[in-house]
Amino acid sequence: MEILQVVGPMVCTHRHPGLETMPLRILQDTNGKKQVAVDTIGCKPGNWVFTISGSAARLALGKERKVILTDLTVGGIIDFWEENESKVSS
C-alpha cells in the first residue's frame, strides 16, 4: 500500500469493456510520480488516499467486479495520520 494524493479525474472515451463504468483518478506521490487508479469510493482532487496494488487491487473491487483488470485501486480516503510516527528509525 502507498499513500498518494489525488490530482484529478481521468476521462477516457474508449476503454476496455471491464473498465467502462469505473471512475479513474490520477494520483501523485510526494516526488511527483503520477499513476492511474480505479476509484470506487469517490475521492476528490487534493484528497490523500491509500492504495491497494497488484492482484489485490482487483480483489478490492468486490466479488462482482473481480473481472476488472486493474493493478491500482483506491482503498480509502485518509482523514488524518501522524507523519512523525510513521517514520521508522534504524
Protein backbone atom coordinates (compact mmCIF):
# COMPACT_ATOMS: atom_id res chain seq x y z
CA MET A 1 0.00 0.00 0.00
CA GLU A 2 1.07 3.53 -0.71
CA ILE A 3 -0.14 6.96 0.39
CA LEU A 4 -0.81 9.15 -2.66
CA GLN A 5 -2.63 12.42 -3.37
CA VAL A 6 -5.48 12.70 -5.86
CA VAL A 7 -4.62 15.09 -8.70
CA GLY A 8 -7.91 14.79 -10.58
CA PRO A 9 -10.14 12.59 -12.70
CA MET A 10 -9.02 10.83 -15.86
CA VAL A 11 -11.50 10.95 -18.74
CA CYS A 12 -11.17 8.28 -21.43
CA THR A 13 -13.57 7.95 -24.36
CA HIS A 14 -12.57 4.38 -25.25
CA ARG A 15 -11.88 1.79 -22.55
CA HIS A 16 -11.56 -1.92 -22.04
CA PRO A 17 -15.11 -3.30 -21.53
CA GLY A 18 -14.39 -4.14 -17.87
CA LEU A 19 -13.41 -0.53 -17.17
CA GLU A 20 -16.27 1.24 -18.98
CA THR A 21 -18.15 2.30 -15.85
CA MET A 22 -15.24 2.58 -13.43
CA PRO A 23 -14.15 6.09 -12.35
CA LEU A 24 -10.43 6.62 -12.84
CA ARG A 25 -8.26 9.04 -10.86
CA ILE A 26 -4.77 10.41 -11.43
CA LEU A 27 -2.73 10.04 -8.24
CA GLN A 28 0.67 11.52 -7.41
CA ASP A 29 3.34 10.64 -4.88
CA THR A 30 5.45 13.19 -2.99
CA ASN A 31 8.11 13.02 -5.73
CA GLY A 32 5.61 13.95 -8.45
CA LYS A 33 5.29 10.48 -10.00
CA LYS A 34 1.77 10.07 -11.39
CA GLN A 35 -0.28 6.86 -11.54
CA VAL A 36 -3.83 5.98 -12.56
CA ALA A 37 -6.12 4.13 -10.14
CA VAL A 38 -9.66 2.81 -10.13
CA ASP A 39 -11.75 4.78 -7.61
CA THR A 40 -14.77 3.09 -6.06
CA ILE A 41 -15.09 5.42 -3.07
CA GLY A 42 -15.46 8.85 -4.67
CA CYS A 43 -12.26 10.68 -3.79
CA LYS A 44 -11.73 14.26 -4.89
CA PRO A 45 -8.70 16.29 -6.02
CA GLY A 46 -6.49 17.11 -3.05
CA ASN A 47 -7.55 14.06 -1.01
CA TRP A 48 -4.79 11.88 0.39
CA VAL A 49 -5.62 8.22 -0.14
CA PHE A 50 -4.11 4.82 0.47
CA THR A 51 -3.94 2.46 -2.47
CA ILE A 52 -4.05 -1.27 -2.98
CA SER A 53 -1.80 -2.59 -5.74
CA GLY A 54 -1.03 -5.74 -7.66
CA SER A 55 -3.52 -8.59 -7.85
CA ALA A 56 -5.09 -7.44 -4.56
CA ALA A 57 -6.25 -4.26 -6.36
CA ARG A 58 -8.66 -6.32 -8.44
CA LEU A 59 -9.93 -8.21 -5.40
CA ALA A 60 -10.54 -4.93 -3.54
CA LEU A 61 -13.30 -4.13 -6.05
CA GLY A 62 -15.52 -6.91 -4.68
CA LYS A 63 -16.69 -10.27 -5.96
CA GLU A 64 -18.96 -8.92 -8.70
CA ARG A 65 -16.17 -6.72 -10.10
CA LYS A 66 -13.34 -9.22 -9.77
CA VAL A 67 -13.05 -9.49 -13.56
CA ILE A 68 -11.97 -5.84 -13.93
CA LEU A 69 -8.33 -5.58 -14.94
CA THR A 70 -6.57 -3.15 -12.63
CA ASP A 71 -3.36 -3.11 -10.66
CA LEU A 72 -4.11 0.01 -8.56
CA THR A 73 -7.30 0.72 -6.59
CA VAL A 74 -8.04 3.47 -4.09
CA GLY A 75 -8.60 1.72 -0.75
CA GLY A 76 -9.70 4.71 1.33
CA ILE A 77 -9.51 8.44 1.91
CA ILE A 78 -7.12 9.40 4.71
CA ASP A 79 -8.59 11.80 7.24
CA PHE A 80 -5.50 12.08 9.43
CA TRP A 81 -2.17 10.46 10.16
CA GLU A 82 0.83 11.30 12.32
CA GLU A 83 3.65 11.67 9.83
CA ASN A 84 6.32 11.77 12.55
CA GLU A 85 5.09 8.47 13.98
CA SER A 86 5.20 6.80 10.56
CA LYS A 87 8.99 7.17 10.29
CA VAL A 88 10.84 4.03 11.24
CA SER A 89 14.18 4.51 12.94
CA SER A 90 17.10 2.21 12.12
